[in-house]
């Protein structure tokens, strides 16, 4: 099994790299050139393709021959970084490959999500401020996911939880929508990573999933 992790140098990306290696997968990681050093602990065990994740040529080379693609959609800057990343992956994912996108909670597919007032305030106030500072554009993730929803790729979109270190406190819980009472915590706990260790997920995990096909992980998915 050959998997590509797009956005491999970030915290979530590094966890996914370790998970894939623990399962014996061949791993290709994509990250910005200035972030390659963050993957030094995996040196010799993964292939790193440096470059912007919204660069179609970088993504085409990285995805060649992959059976699965895991993508962290980052709303970096105000020039459509997430949208460009998603489109490049959709355009170059090998036929039949399973593609999983991770993004923020504020995206929705069917409008049935129930958001807390804190999250609404963060998006309403923090979103414009982040865009004004040219730091991030939350609407970029929305557009990226709309393109994913409209594609005929074998995709899954996961709105993940916050990560923290520590001993596992149980198995993850998945839900179709934000606001499901089963997802009572916003955290997923992992043991600190070391070479050869297996991170443990924890707590009641409010990861929510919308999918175009039956997901590999236990979760509730939406049919197309």
Foldseek 3Di string as FASTA:
>chain_A
DEEEEEQLLDPVNVLVVQQCVLVVYAYEYEEAPVRPVSCVQCPPRHHYQHDQLLDLVSLLVRQPPGQEYEYEQFQFFDPLSSQSNLVSCLVRHPPNHEYEYEYAQPADDPPPADDDVVVVCCCVPVQVVCRVVRGGHNVSNNNNVVVVVPGPGFYKYKHWAAEDEDDAADDEAEEAHHPDVQQPDRYWYWHDDDVNDRTHTHDHIYMHMEGCDDDPDDYDYDHD
